[in-house]
Structures are given as structure tokens and as C-alpha cells.
Amino acid sequence: MDYTVIRYGVKDGELDANRALVTKVFEALGEAAPPAMRYLVLELDDGEFIHIVSQDKDSSAITGLAAFKAFSETHAQRRSTPVRRSPVKIIGNYRMLAATE
């Protein structure tokens, strides 16, 4: 399974809005239950958000969700830094992520 890390900062006045929109995405994922999707979002103390994503080649499992579209629609206005994306390799995993092969 391939993983991507997405990082960005959020403006102080937009933290609550970003959290709420992320929560809605998780609610929608819970309802849709795409089997080939793994998703984790972390918030750091400095207002940076880190998304860890793993999905099959079809990204529509998340991008097709109305909640994700709402999250994305105003994302640029909420951010304090550019989005940084990077594929990552799992070096170690103790019960945090799905079993790796």
C-alpha cells in the first residue's frame, strides 16, 4: 500500500473551521466506507495539519465526497502555508497503520 503525506499550516482564525471540515470528511468516509482507503489527519500545536493518505489508484473515494469538495473549496483561504505533498515509505509501524506487507 502506498502512502502520501500532505502538510499545510492553517491561519489562527481558521483552525476551528478547518477542524470542522475535516470532521465532516471523516463522517462521510464512515458512511461511504471505501474499502481501499486509509486516512489519518493530525493537528500539531503550531496549527499545522498533516494528512496521511493511502488509497488505490482511483482517488474518487475521497475526492468525490461532497464533504471533501466543501473542505477543498475554501482550503486556500484557510491556509497559512502552501500545501506540501510527499510519498512516504513506512519504516516502522506498531499497530498504528494497517498491516504492511
C-alpha atoms as a PDB file:
ATOM      1  CA  MET A   1       0.000   0.000   0.000  1.00  0.00           C
ATOM      2  CA  ASP A   2       1.405   3.429  -0.946  1.00  0.00           C
ATOM      3  CA  TYR A   3       1.118   6.366   1.445  1.00  0.00           C
ATOM      4  CA  THR A   4       1.218  10.109   0.841  1.00  0.00           C
ATOM      5  CA  VAL A   5       1.751  12.786   3.480  1.00  0.00           C
ATOM      6  CA  ILE A   6       0.120  16.173   2.930  1.00  0.00           C
ATOM      7  CA  ARG A   7       1.139  19.073   5.191  1.00  0.00           C
ATOM      8  CA  TYR A   8      -0.064  22.651   5.451  1.00  0.00           C
ATOM      9  CA  GLY A   9      -0.453  25.386   8.026  1.00  0.00           C
ATOM     10  CA  VAL A  10      -3.773  26.965   8.909  1.00  0.00           C
ATOM     11  CA  LYS A  11      -4.364  30.587   9.895  1.00  0.00           C
ATOM     12  CA  ASP A  12      -5.174  31.092  13.588  1.00  0.00           C
ATOM     13  CA  GLY A  13      -8.688  32.331  12.877  1.00  0.00           C
ATOM     14  CA  GLU A  14      -9.425  29.356  10.610  1.00  0.00           C
ATOM     15  CA  LEU A  15      -8.426  26.456  12.875  1.00  0.00           C
ATOM     16  CA  ASP A  16     -11.963  25.696  14.073  1.00  0.00           C
ATOM     17  CA  ALA A  17     -13.326  25.830  10.530  1.00  0.00           C
ATOM     18  CA  ASN A  18     -10.605  23.504   9.243  1.00  0.00           C
ATOM     19  CA  ARG A  19     -11.201  21.031  12.097  1.00  0.00           C
ATOM     20  CA  ALA A  20     -14.941  21.052  11.435  1.00  0.00           C
ATOM     21  CA  LEU A  21     -14.491  20.447   7.708  1.00  0.00           C
ATOM     22  CA  VAL A  22     -12.015  17.612   8.347  1.00  0.00           C
ATOM     23  CA  THR A  23     -14.503  16.063  10.776  1.00  0.00           C
ATOM     24  CA  LYS A  24     -17.203  16.170   8.096  1.00  0.00           C
ATOM     25  CA  VAL A  25     -14.870  14.352   5.686  1.00  0.00           C
ATOM     26  CA  PHE A  26     -14.380  11.590   8.258  1.00  0.00           C
ATOM     27  CA  GLU A  27     -18.137  11.350   8.803  1.00  0.00           C
ATOM     28  CA  ALA A  28     -18.658  10.996   5.043  1.00  0.00           C
ATOM     29  CA  LEU A  29     -15.907   8.379   4.805  1.00  0.00           C
ATOM     30  CA  GLY A  30     -17.561   6.476   7.641  1.00  0.00           C
ATOM     31  CA  GLU A  31     -20.828   6.426   5.705  1.00  0.00           C
ATOM     32  CA  ALA A  32     -19.278   5.576   2.321  1.00  0.00           C
ATOM     33  CA  ALA A  33     -16.775   3.084   3.813  1.00  0.00           C
ATOM     34  CA  PRO A  34     -14.459   2.847   0.787  1.00  0.00           C
ATOM     35  CA  PRO A  35     -12.554  -0.422   1.319  1.00  0.00           C
ATOM     36  CA  ALA A  36      -9.271   0.607  -0.336  1.00  0.00           C
ATOM     37  CA  MET A  37      -8.952   3.903   1.546  1.00  0.00           C
ATOM     38  CA  ARG A  38      -6.905   4.682   4.655  1.00  0.00           C
ATOM     39  CA  TYR A  39      -6.852   8.217   6.013  1.00  0.00           C
ATOM     40  CA  LEU A  40      -5.463   9.896   9.124  1.00  0.00           C
ATOM     41  CA  VAL A  41      -5.306  13.598   9.981  1.00  0.00           C
ATOM     42  CA  LEU A  42      -3.121  15.060  12.721  1.00  0.00           C
ATOM     43  CA  GLU A  43      -3.063  18.621  14.051  1.00  0.00           C
ATOM     44  CA  LEU A  44       0.157  19.985  15.505  1.00  0.00           C
ATOM     45  CA  ASP A  45       0.282  22.622  18.252  1.00  0.00           C
ATOM     46  CA  ASP A  46       1.523  25.231  15.770  1.00  0.00           C
ATOM     47  CA  GLY A  47      -1.586  24.979  13.551  1.00  0.00           C
ATOM     48  CA  GLU A  48      -0.070  22.637  11.004  1.00  0.00           C
ATOM     49  CA  PHE A  49      -2.204  19.769   9.738  1.00  0.00           C
ATOM     50  CA  ILE A  50      -0.766  16.507   8.490  1.00  0.00           C
ATOM     51  CA  HIS A  51      -2.878  14.163   6.390  1.00  0.00           C
ATOM     52  CA  ILE A  52      -1.681  10.610   5.792  1.00  0.00           C
ATOM     53  CA  VAL A  53      -3.491   9.029   2.867  1.00  0.00           C
ATOM     54  CA  SER A  54      -3.443   5.621   1.268  1.00  0.00           C
ATOM     55  CA  GLN A  55      -5.839   4.644  -1.470  1.00  0.00           C
ATOM     56  CA  ASP A  56      -5.976   2.678  -4.669  1.00  0.00           C
ATOM     57  CA  LYS A  57      -5.376   4.420  -7.980  1.00  0.00           C
ATOM     58  CA  ASP A  58      -8.924   5.816  -8.040  1.00  0.00           C
ATOM     59  CA  SER A  59      -8.874   8.890  -5.795  1.00  0.00           C
ATOM     60  CA  SER A  60     -12.615   9.458  -6.230  1.00  0.00           C
ATOM     61  CA  ALA A  61     -13.248   7.513  -2.996  1.00  0.00           C
ATOM     62  CA  ILE A  62     -12.429  10.756  -1.201  1.00  0.00           C
ATOM     63  CA  THR A  63     -12.458  13.472  -3.864  1.00  0.00           C
ATOM     64  CA  GLY A  64     -15.972  12.512  -4.939  1.00  0.00           C
ATOM     65  CA  LEU A  65     -17.417  13.117  -1.470  1.00  0.00           C
ATOM     66  CA  ALA A  66     -19.473  16.287  -1.030  1.00  0.00           C
ATOM     67  CA  ALA A  67     -17.752  16.843   2.332  1.00  0.00           C
ATOM     68  CA  PHE A  68     -14.310  16.709   0.685  1.00  0.00           C
ATOM     69  CA  LYS A  69     -15.436  19.128  -2.005  1.00  0.00           C
ATOM     70  CA  ALA A  70     -16.609  21.518   0.739  1.00  0.00           C
ATOM     71  CA  PHE A  71     -13.264  21.103   2.538  1.00  0.00           C
ATOM     72  CA  SER A  72     -11.338  21.818  -0.675  1.00  0.00           C
ATOM     73  CA  GLU A  73     -13.479  24.737  -1.809  1.00  0.00           C
ATOM     74  CA  THR A  74     -12.086  27.234   0.734  1.00  0.00           C
ATOM     75  CA  HIS A  75      -8.872  25.442   1.619  1.00  0.00           C
ATOM     76  CA  ALA A  76      -6.588  28.055   0.048  1.00  0.00           C
ATOM     77  CA  GLN A  77      -8.206  30.835   2.112  1.00  0.00           C
ATOM     78  CA  ARG A  78      -7.737  28.878   5.379  1.00  0.00           C
ATOM     79  CA  ARG A  79      -4.087  28.012   4.822  1.00  0.00           C
ATOM     80  CA  SER A  80      -1.134  29.962   6.183  1.00  0.00           C
ATOM     81  CA  THR A  81       1.411  27.926   4.191  1.00  0.00           C
ATOM     82  CA  PRO A  82       1.456  26.169   0.834  1.00  0.00           C
ATOM     83  CA  VAL A  83       0.435  22.519   0.660  1.00  0.00           C
ATOM     84  CA  ARG A  84       3.369  20.112   0.631  1.00  0.00           C
ATOM     85  CA  ARG A  85       2.822  16.565  -0.653  1.00  0.00           C
ATOM     86  CA  SER A  86       5.252  13.725  -0.452  1.00  0.00           C
ATOM     87  CA  PRO A  87       5.054   9.991  -0.987  1.00  0.00           C
ATOM     88  CA  VAL A  88       6.393   8.200   2.085  1.00  0.00           C
ATOM     89  CA  LYS A  89       7.759   4.779   2.937  1.00  0.00           C
ATOM     90  CA  ILE A  90       6.743   3.106   6.169  1.00  0.00           C
ATOM     91  CA  ILE A  91       9.935   2.246   8.041  1.00  0.00           C
ATOM     92  CA  GLY A  92       8.255   1.035  11.211  1.00  0.00           C
ATOM     93  CA  ASN A  93       4.650   0.541  12.243  1.00  0.00           C
ATOM     94  CA  TYR A  94       3.457  -0.727  15.579  1.00  0.00           C
ATOM     95  CA  ARG A  95      -0.338  -1.058  15.454  1.00  0.00           C
ATOM     96  CA  MET A  96      -0.829   2.459  14.048  1.00  0.00           C
ATOM     97  CA  LEU A  97      -1.453   1.671  10.394  1.00  0.00           C
ATOM     98  CA  ALA A  98      -2.832  -1.329   8.552  1.00  0.00           C
ATOM     99  CA  ALA A  99      -0.511  -4.303   8.423  1.00  0.00           C
ATOM    100  CA  THR A 100       2.152  -3.766   5.786  1.00  0.00           C
ATOM    101  CA  GLU A 101       3.478  -6.485   3.547  1.00  0.00           C
END
